[in-house]
Amino acid sequence: MIEIKKTTTKTYKVRQIVRNFCKFDEEFRRIR
């Protein structure tokens, strides 16, 4: 149970990072 939760948290963090990166990329393209 604990291991599954750890993996889920890790995946969630990675997803957030990816989402933030995509947002940043969009903003950057708009500026250029």
PDB file of N, CA and C in Angstrom:
ATOM      1  N   MET A   1       0.837  -1.198   0.000  1.00  0.00           N
ATOM      2  CA  MET A   1       0.000   0.000   0.000  1.00  0.00           C
ATOM      3  C   MET A   1       0.879   1.257   0.000  1.00  0.00           C
ATOM      4  N   ILE A   2       1.855   1.274   0.880  1.00  0.00           N
ATOM      5  CA  ILE A   2       2.720   2.455   0.984  1.00  0.00           C
ATOM      6  C   ILE A   2       3.484   2.656  -0.330  1.00  0.00           C
ATOM      7  N   GLU A   3       3.982   1.558  -0.892  1.00  0.00           N
ATOM      8  CA  GLU A   3       4.756   1.662  -2.140  1.00  0.00           C
ATOM      9  C   GLU A   3       3.899   2.263  -3.258  1.00  0.00           C
ATOM     10  N   ILE A   4       2.667   1.806  -3.341  1.00  0.00           N
ATOM     11  CA  ILE A   4       1.765   2.306  -4.388  1.00  0.00           C
ATOM     12  C   ILE A   4       1.579   3.815  -4.207  1.00  0.00           C
ATOM     13  N   LYS A   5       1.370   4.231  -2.970  1.00  0.00           N
ATOM     14  CA  LYS A   5       1.153   5.659  -2.722  1.00  0.00           C
ATOM     15  C   LYS A   5       2.391   6.455  -3.122  1.00  0.00           C
ATOM     16  N   LYS A   6       3.551   5.949  -2.798  1.00  0.00           N
ATOM     17  CA  LYS A   6       4.804   6.633  -3.159  1.00  0.00           C
ATOM     18  C   LYS A   6       4.878   6.822  -4.667  1.00  0.00           C
ATOM     19  N   THR A   7       4.600   5.764  -5.397  1.00  0.00           N
ATOM     20  CA  THR A   7       4.662   5.834  -6.862  1.00  0.00           C
ATOM     21  C   THR A   7       3.666   6.862  -7.382  1.00  0.00           C
ATOM     22  N   THR A   8       2.468   6.855  -6.831  1.00  0.00           N
ATOM     23  CA  THR A   8       1.439   7.801  -7.277  1.00  0.00           C
ATOM     24  C   THR A   8       1.912   9.227  -7.046  1.00  0.00           C
ATOM     25  N   THR A   9       2.474   9.475  -5.876  1.00  0.00           N
ATOM     26  CA  THR A   9       2.952  10.820  -5.563  1.00  0.00           C
ATOM     27  C   THR A   9       4.045  11.224  -6.543  1.00  0.00           C
ATOM     28  N   LYS A  10       4.939  10.308  -6.817  1.00  0.00           N
ATOM     29  CA  LYS A  10       6.036  10.592  -7.751  1.00  0.00           C
ATOM     30  C   LYS A  10       5.462  10.949  -9.120  1.00  0.00           C
ATOM     31  N   THR A  11       4.550  10.129  -9.604  1.00  0.00           N
ATOM     32  CA  THR A  11       3.945  10.373 -10.914  1.00  0.00           C
ATOM     33  C   THR A  11       3.256  11.728 -10.927  1.00  0.00           C
ATOM     34  N   TYR A  12       2.530  12.031  -9.855  1.00  0.00           N
ATOM     35  CA  TYR A  12       1.811  13.302  -9.775  1.00  0.00           C
ATOM     36  C   TYR A  12       2.788  14.469  -9.873  1.00  0.00           C
ATOM     37  N   LYS A  13       3.886  14.374  -9.140  1.00  0.00           N
ATOM     38  CA  LYS A  13       4.896  15.443  -9.172  1.00  0.00           C
ATOM     39  C   LYS A  13       5.442  15.607 -10.578  1.00  0.00           C
ATOM     40  N   VAL A  14       5.754  14.495 -11.215  1.00  0.00           N
ATOM     41  CA  VAL A  14       6.298  14.547 -12.585  1.00  0.00           C
ATOM     42  C   VAL A  14       5.280  15.212 -13.504  1.00  0.00           C
ATOM     43  N   ARG A  15       4.019  14.843 -13.353  1.00  0.00           N
ATOM     44  CA  ARG A  15       2.969  15.439 -14.193  1.00  0.00           C
ATOM     45  C   ARG A  15       2.916  16.941 -13.985  1.00  0.00           C
ATOM     46  N   GLN A  16       2.984  17.363 -12.735  1.00  0.00           N
ATOM     47  CA  GLN A  16       2.942  18.810 -12.447  1.00  0.00           C
ATOM     48  C   GLN A  16       4.107  19.511 -13.124  1.00  0.00           C
ATOM     49  N   ILE A  17       5.282  18.914 -13.024  1.00  0.00           N
ATOM     50  CA  ILE A  17       6.478  19.515 -13.638  1.00  0.00           C
ATOM     51  C   ILE A  17       6.267  19.630 -15.149  1.00  0.00           C
ATOM     52  N   VAL A  18       5.769  18.568 -15.755  1.00  0.00           N
ATOM     53  CA  VAL A  18       5.543  18.575 -17.212  1.00  0.00           C
ATOM     54  C   VAL A  18       4.542  19.671 -17.567  1.00  0.00           C
ATOM     55  N   ARG A  19       3.468  19.770 -16.780  1.00  0.00           N
ATOM     56  CA  ARG A  19       2.439  20.775 -17.048  1.00  0.00           C
ATOM     57  C   ARG A  19       3.036  22.178 -16.952  1.00  0.00           C
ATOM     58  N   ASN A  20       3.823  22.402 -15.911  1.00  0.00           N
ATOM     59  CA  ASN A  20       4.447  23.718 -15.745  1.00  0.00           C
ATOM     60  C   ASN A  20       5.364  24.013 -16.926  1.00  0.00           C
ATOM     61  N   PHE A  21       6.100  23.032 -17.345  1.00  0.00           N
ATOM     62  CA  PHE A  21       7.017  23.224 -18.474  1.00  0.00           C
ATOM     63  C   PHE A  21       6.231  23.578 -19.739  1.00  0.00           C
ATOM     64  N   CYS A  22       5.133  22.892 -19.974  1.00  0.00           N
ATOM     65  CA  CYS A  22       4.305  23.168 -21.154  1.00  0.00           C
ATOM     66  C   CYS A  22       3.779  24.597 -21.091  1.00  0.00           C
ATOM     67  N   LYS A  23       3.320  25.016 -19.927  1.00  0.00           N
ATOM     68  CA  LYS A  23       2.817  26.383 -19.764  1.00  0.00           C
ATOM     69  C   LYS A  23       3.922  27.375 -20.081  1.00  0.00           C
ATOM     70  N   PHE A  24       5.082  27.135 -19.537  1.00  0.00           N
ATOM     71  CA  PHE A  24       6.224  28.022 -19.767  1.00  0.00           C
ATOM     72  C   PHE A  24       6.529  28.087 -21.262  1.00  0.00           C
ATOM     73  N   ASP A  25       6.528  26.945 -21.921  1.00  0.00           N
ATOM     74  CA  ASP A  25       6.811  26.890 -23.360  1.00  0.00           C
ATOM     75  C   ASP A  25       5.786  27.728 -24.125  1.00  0.00           C
ATOM     76  N   GLU A  26       4.520  27.609 -23.769  1.00  0.00           N
ATOM     77  CA  GLU A  26       3.473  28.387 -24.442  1.00  0.00           C
ATOM     78  C   GLU A  26       3.735  29.875 -24.282  1.00  0.00           C
ATOM     79  N   GLU A  27       4.011  30.286 -23.066  1.00  0.00           N
ATOM     80  CA  GLU A  27       4.275  31.709 -22.798  1.00  0.00           C
ATOM     81  C   GLU A  27       5.473  32.178 -23.606  1.00  0.00           C
ATOM     82  N   PHE A  28       6.505  31.374 -23.629  1.00  0.00           N
ATOM     83  CA  PHE A  28       7.728  31.741 -24.353  1.00  0.00           C
ATOM     84  C   PHE A  28       7.416  31.939 -25.838  1.00  0.00           C
ATOM     85  N   ARG A  29       6.652  31.031 -26.414  1.00  0.00           N
ATOM     86  CA  ARG A  29       6.313  31.149 -27.843  1.00  0.00           C
ATOM     87  C   ARG A  29       5.502  32.410 -28.084  1.00  0.00           C
ATOM     88  N   ARG A  30       4.596  32.725 -27.181  1.00  0.00           N
ATOM     89  CA  ARG A  30       3.751  33.902 -27.340  1.00  0.00           C
ATOM     90  C   ARG A  30       4.623  35.162 -27.334  1.00  0.00           C
ATOM     91  N   ILE A  31       5.594  35.181 -26.429  1.00  0.00           N
ATOM     92  CA  ILE A  31       6.474  36.351 -26.307  1.00  0.00           C
ATOM     93  C   ILE A  31       7.278  36.518 -27.600  1.00  0.00           C
ATOM     94  N   ARG A  32       7.783  35.433 -28.128  1.00  0.00           N
ATOM     95  CA  ARG A  32       8.561  35.515 -29.368  1.00  0.00           C
ATOM     96  C   ARG A  32       7.620  35.796 -30.518  1.00  0.00           C
TER      97      ARG A  32
END
